[in-house]
Amino acid sequence: MSTATLTHTHTGAMEVLRVQAKGIRGSLLRNVEGLTHNDSLISPAPGGNCLNWVVGHLVSTNERLLEVLGQPPVLGKDSLRRYDRGSAELHDPAEAMPLDTLLAAWDRQWAGIDAGLSAIAPEKLDAPAPFSPRNKVDETVLSLLTIVMFHQAYHAGQAGLLRRIAGREGAIR
């Protein structure tokens, strides 16, 4: 594949990811609109994580994404360890960050993500990823970005279900 074709292909992929990112950002914000911090602590029965953990997990993932894209962090991943993949279900309100803090970080992160997706060099997309959530030895930056967008969309959709569990009407119809 020629350099011009590769650049064109990667530019198209980045535009798709930017559109997905915008939709993910908006979906989560709509799904949490009007919810209180206490609403975010309601857990589904018989088990599973509350909305606060899901939002914190999304913010935590975005912090890692900002790093991959060469953008500055918003909260710093160390402050979000409670929300790491595989962490225990969140039941103790004292362990939860305020929902407003998480949502403000979420909103600010997307400017950096969009800037990073807009500016990433095509050759960087084919480079080995700094980590692989799927433990793929051949994970590239582009394949990582693709799986992260899927991950973020998955959890943004969960937020809609958790909104209903909190007794609120659905926000996206």
Foldseek 3Di string as FASTA:
>chain_A
DDPVVLQVVLLVLLVVLLVLLVVLLVLLCLLCPPPFQVLQQDADPPGDAGNLLLLLLLLLLLQVLLVQLVHHADPDNVLSVCNHPPHDHDNDSVNGDGPVVSNVRSVVSSVSNNVSSNPDDSVQQCDAGPDDPVPDPRHGNVNRSVVSSVVSNVSSVVSQVSSVVSVDDGRDD
